[in-house]
C-alpha atoms as a PDB file:
ATOM      1  CA  MET A   1       3.756   8.911  19.858  1.00  0.00           C
ATOM      2  CA  LEU A   2       5.154   9.511  16.351  1.00  0.00           C
ATOM      3  CA  GLY A   3       7.731  11.933  17.730  1.00  0.00           C
ATOM      4  CA  GLN A   4       8.903   9.334  20.239  1.00  0.00           C
ATOM      5  CA  LEU A   5       9.169   6.699  17.521  1.00  0.00           C
ATOM      6  CA  ASP A   6      11.168   9.015  15.262  1.00  0.00           C
ATOM      7  CA  ALA A   7      13.573   9.796  18.106  1.00  0.00           C
ATOM      8  CA  LEU A   8      14.163   6.109  18.764  1.00  0.00           C
ATOM      9  CA  ARG A   9      14.436   5.175  15.083  1.00  0.00           C
ATOM     10  CA  SER A  10      17.152   7.807  14.648  1.00  0.00           C
ATOM     11  CA  VAL A  11      19.307   5.779  17.040  1.00  0.00           C
ATOM     12  CA  TYR A  12      18.432   2.141  16.559  1.00  0.00           C
ATOM     13  CA  SER A  13      18.853   2.262  12.806  1.00  0.00           C
ATOM     14  CA  VAL A  14      22.430   3.639  12.820  1.00  0.00           C
ATOM     15  CA  SER A  15      23.834   0.794  10.772  1.00  0.00           C
ATOM     16  CA  GLN A  16      20.819   0.532   8.480  1.00  0.00           C
ATOM     17  CA  ILE A  17      20.121   4.035   7.215  1.00  0.00           C
ATOM     18  CA  SER A  18      22.152   7.069   6.271  1.00  0.00           C
ATOM     19  CA  ALA A  19      23.054   9.895   8.615  1.00  0.00           C
ATOM     20  CA  GLU A  20      20.927  12.201   6.463  1.00  0.00           C
ATOM     21  CA  ARG A  21      17.851  10.016   7.023  1.00  0.00           C
ATOM     22  CA  ARG A  22      18.559   9.787  10.762  1.00  0.00           C
ATOM     23  CA  LEU A  23      18.833  13.574  10.798  1.00  0.00           C
ATOM     24  CA  GLU A  24      15.378  13.781   9.169  1.00  0.00           C
ATOM     25  CA  LEU A  25      13.978  11.428  11.806  1.00  0.00           C
ATOM     26  CA  VAL A  26      15.417  13.350  14.726  1.00  0.00           C
ATOM     27  CA  ARG A  27      14.202  16.678  13.322  1.00  0.00           C
ATOM     28  CA  SER A  28      10.772  15.120  12.845  1.00  0.00           C
ATOM     29  CA  ALA A  29      10.861  13.947  16.454  1.00  0.00           C
ATOM     30  CA  LEU A  30      11.706  17.430  17.705  1.00  0.00           C
ATOM     31  CA  ALA A  31       8.908  18.949  15.628  1.00  0.00           C
ATOM     32  CA  ARG A  32       6.308  16.422  16.845  1.00  0.00           C
ATOM     33  CA  LEU A  33       7.165  15.858  20.475  1.00  0.00           C
ATOM     34  CA  PRO A  34       5.035  17.742  22.982  1.00  0.00           C
ATOM     35  CA  ALA A  35       6.935  20.245  25.111  1.00  0.00           C
ATOM     36  CA  GLU A  36       6.291  18.244  28.284  1.00  0.00           C
ATOM     37  CA  TYR A  37       8.234  15.233  26.942  1.00  0.00           C
ATOM     38  CA  ASP A  38      11.478  16.606  28.369  1.00  0.00           C
ATOM     39  CA  TRP A  39      13.407  13.345  28.526  1.00  0.00           C
ATOM     40  CA  VAL A  40      12.661  12.249  24.964  1.00  0.00           C
ATOM     41  CA  ARG A  41      13.204  15.767  23.593  1.00  0.00           C
ATOM     42  CA  GLY A  42      16.564  15.886  25.356  1.00  0.00           C
ATOM     43  CA  TYR A  43      17.431  12.491  23.948  1.00  0.00           C
ATOM     44  CA  ALA A  44      16.517  13.715  20.461  1.00  0.00           C
ATOM     45  CA  TYR A  45      18.801  16.741  20.904  1.00  0.00           C
ATOM     46  CA  ILE A  46      21.650  14.436  21.941  1.00  0.00           C
ATOM     47  CA  GLN A  47      21.076  12.458  18.750  1.00  0.00           C
ATOM     48  CA  LEU A  48      20.834  15.627  16.656  1.00  0.00           C
ATOM     49  CA  GLY A  49      24.216  16.784  17.907  1.00  0.00           C
ATOM     50  CA  THR A  50      25.822  13.383  17.464  1.00  0.00           C
ATOM     51  CA  ILE A  51      24.568  13.011  13.897  1.00  0.00           C
ATOM     52  CA  LEU A  52      25.709  16.522  12.956  1.00  0.00           C
ATOM     53  CA  VAL A  53      29.181  15.750  14.326  1.00  0.00           C
ATOM     54  CA  GLU A  54      29.154  12.493  12.348  1.00  0.00           C
ATOM     55  CA  VAL A  55      28.554  14.409   9.104  1.00  0.00           C
ATOM     56  CA  GLY A  56      31.265  16.965   9.897  1.00  0.00           C
ATOM     57  CA  GLN A  57      29.046  19.763  11.209  1.00  0.00           C
ATOM     58  CA  ALA A  58      30.184  20.027  14.823  1.00  0.00           C
ATOM     59  CA  ASN A  59      29.931  23.819  14.918  1.00  0.00           C
ATOM     60  CA  ARG A  60      26.386  23.666  13.598  1.00  0.00           C
ATOM     61  CA  ALA A  61      25.527  21.113  16.290  1.00  0.00           C
ATOM     62  CA  ILE A  62      26.889  23.388  19.005  1.00  0.00           C
ATOM     63  CA  ASP A  63      25.019  26.375  17.526  1.00  0.00           C
ATOM     64  CA  GLU A  64      21.752  24.430  17.443  1.00  0.00           C
ATOM     65  CA  LEU A  65      22.096  23.305  21.057  1.00  0.00           C
ATOM     66  CA  THR A  66      23.083  26.803  22.158  1.00  0.00           C
ATOM     67  CA  GLY A  67      19.935  28.070  20.456  1.00  0.00           C
ATOM     68  CA  ALA A  68      17.778  25.406  22.097  1.00  0.00           C
ATOM     69  CA  ILE A  69      19.126  26.358  25.527  1.00  0.00           C
ATOM     70  CA  ALA A  70      18.544  30.063  24.818  1.00  0.00           C
ATOM     71  CA  ARG A  71      14.940  29.388  23.729  1.00  0.00           C
ATOM     72  CA  LEU A  72      13.991  27.730  27.008  1.00  0.00           C
ATOM     73  CA  SER A  73      11.428  29.852  28.802  1.00  0.00           C
ATOM     74  CA  GLY A  74      12.154  29.397  32.454  1.00  0.00           C
ATOM     75  CA  PRO A  75      13.627  26.328  34.075  1.00  0.00           C
ATOM     76  CA  SER A  76      12.609  23.024  32.600  1.00  0.00           C
ATOM     77  CA  SER A  77      12.322  19.928  34.718  1.00  0.00           C
ATOM     78  CA  GLY A  78      14.650  17.914  32.568  1.00  0.00           C
ATOM     79  CA  LEU A  79      15.167  19.429  29.159  1.00  0.00           C
ATOM     80  CA  GLU A  80      17.664  22.051  30.277  1.00  0.00           C
ATOM     81  CA  VAL A  81      19.662  19.339  32.036  1.00  0.00           C
ATOM     82  CA  ARG A  82      19.590  17.074  28.958  1.00  0.00           C
ATOM     83  CA  LEU A  83      20.614  19.940  26.678  1.00  0.00           C
ATOM     84  CA  HIS A  84      23.645  20.577  28.883  1.00  0.00           C
ATOM     85  CA  GLN A  85      24.461  16.863  28.732  1.00  0.00           C
ATOM     86  CA  ALA A  86      24.313  17.000  24.938  1.00  0.00           C
ATOM     87  CA  MET A  87      26.394  20.174  24.820  1.00  0.00           C
ATOM     88  CA  LEU A  88      29.051  18.693  27.098  1.00  0.00           C
ATOM     89  CA  PHE A  89      29.311  15.647  24.850  1.00  0.00           C
ATOM     90  CA  LEU A  90      29.583  17.760  21.688  1.00  0.00           C
ATOM     91  CA  LEU A  91      32.191  20.135  23.087  1.00  0.00           C
ATOM     92  CA  PHE A  92      34.207  17.188  24.369  1.00  0.00           C
ATOM     93  CA  MET A  93      34.063  15.443  20.960  1.00  0.00           C
ATOM     94  CA  SER A  94      35.090  18.711  19.296  1.00  0.00           C
ATOM     95  CA  GLY A  95      38.114  19.182  21.550  1.00  0.00           C
ATOM     96  CA  ARG A  96      36.745  22.406  23.038  1.00  0.00           C
ATOM     97  CA  LEU A  97      37.693  21.386  26.561  1.00  0.00           C
ATOM     98  CA  ARG A  98      37.605  24.800  28.307  1.00  0.00           C
ATOM     99  CA  GLU A  99      34.053  25.374  27.095  1.00  0.00           C
ATOM    100  CA  ALA A 100      33.189  21.787  27.989  1.00  0.00           C
ATOM    101  CA  GLU A 101      34.361  22.382  31.557  1.00  0.00           C
ATOM    102  CA  GLU A 102      32.099  25.436  31.871  1.00  0.00           C
ATOM    103  CA  VAL A 103      29.135  23.455  30.552  1.00  0.00           C
ATOM    104  CA  ALA A 104      29.969  20.490  32.799  1.00  0.00           C
ATOM    105  CA  THR A 105      30.030  22.766  35.861  1.00  0.00           C
ATOM    106  CA  ARG A 106      26.624  24.179  34.917  1.00  0.00           C
ATOM    107  CA  PHE A 107      25.356  20.642  34.150  1.00  0.00           C
ATOM    108  CA  VAL A 108      26.365  19.493  37.654  1.00  0.00           C
ATOM    109  CA  SER A 109      24.528  22.447  39.238  1.00  0.00           C
ATOM    110  CA  LEU A 110      21.376  21.887  37.197  1.00  0.00           C
ATOM    111  CA  ALA A 111      21.259  18.146  37.856  1.00  0.00           C
ATOM    112  CA  GLU A 112      21.788  18.675  41.586  1.00  0.00           C
ATOM    113  CA  ALA A 113      19.170  21.438  41.794  1.00  0.00           C
ATOM    114  CA  ARG A 114      16.590  19.245  40.063  1.00  0.00           C
ATOM    115  CA  ARG A 115      17.576  16.146  42.046  1.00  0.00           C
ATOM    116  CA  MET A 116      18.273  14.039  38.964  1.00  0.00           C
ATOM    117  CA  PRO A 117      20.697  11.358  40.207  1.00  0.00           C
ATOM    118  CA  VAL A 118      21.459   9.741  36.844  1.00  0.00           C
ATOM    119  CA  SER A 119      22.155  13.129  35.290  1.00  0.00           C
ATOM    120  CA  MET A 120      24.293  14.039  38.321  1.00  0.00           C
ATOM    121  CA  ALA A 121      26.410  10.953  37.665  1.00  0.00           C
ATOM    122  CA  TRP A 122      26.871  11.874  33.993  1.00  0.00           C
ATOM    123  CA  ALA A 123      27.640  15.486  34.885  1.00  0.00           C
ATOM    124  CA  ARG A 124      30.163  14.674  37.594  1.00  0.00           C
ATOM    125  CA  GLY A 125      31.722  11.971  35.458  1.00  0.00           C
ATOM    126  CA  GLY A 126      32.099  14.339  32.520  1.00  0.00           C
ATOM    127  CA  LEU A 127      33.609  17.057  34.669  1.00  0.00           C
ATOM    128  CA  GLY A 128      35.927  14.534  36.315  1.00  0.00           C
ATOM    129  CA  ILE A 129      37.200  13.280  32.952  1.00  0.00           C
ATOM    130  CA  LEU A 130      37.930  16.829  31.802  1.00  0.00           C
ATOM    131  CA  LEU A 131      39.804  17.652  35.009  1.00  0.00           C
ATOM    132  CA  PHE A 132      41.707  14.363  34.902  1.00  0.00           C
ATOM    133  CA  GLN A 133      42.863  15.059  31.338  1.00  0.00           C
ATOM    134  CA  ARG A 134      44.303  18.362  32.528  1.00  0.00           C
ATOM    135  CA  GLY A 135      46.138  16.652  35.350  1.00  0.00           C
ATOM    136  CA  GLU A 136      43.926  18.116  38.076  1.00  0.00           C
ATOM    137  CA  PHE A 137      43.634  14.780  39.837  1.00  0.00           C
ATOM    138  CA  GLU A 138      42.453  16.064  43.204  1.00  0.00           C
ATOM    139  CA  ARG A 139      39.656  18.136  41.666  1.00  0.00           C
ATOM    140  CA  ALA A 140      38.740  15.215  39.389  1.00  0.00           C
ATOM    141  CA  ARG A 141      37.868  13.065  42.406  1.00  0.00           C
END
C-alpha cells in the first residue's frame, strides 16, 4: 500500500513539492511495490521518466527505462506494455522520433497481443502522431 501511495503522491503533488522530492517518492514506490502490481509499477516508471526529463536528465530516463525493459524475466501481463508506453513518451519528448517509431510499433504489438484496449489506443495514437509528423498521412490513419 505504501508503494501505491508514493506513486500517486509523486504525481498529485506536482505543484506542491520539488521534482527532487517527487523523484524520491517514485523511487520509493518502485522499491516497495510488489512485482504483481504491473499497472501501478508501470505508472511509477512513467512518472520516473517524466520527472527525469523535467530536471534535464532525458538520457538518464531513457537508460533507466531501457534497463527496466531488459530486466523483465519473460512476458509481463502489463508492465512490459506500460514500460513501452513510458519509453515512447520519453523518446517523443526528447525529439528522438525514429527510435520512438520503433518503440511505438513494438508497443502496438504488445498491447494487441495482451488484449489491452486502452494501451492499444495509446500505442496506435502515438504511432499515428509520429507518422503524421513525417507526412505519412495514409500510414497514420
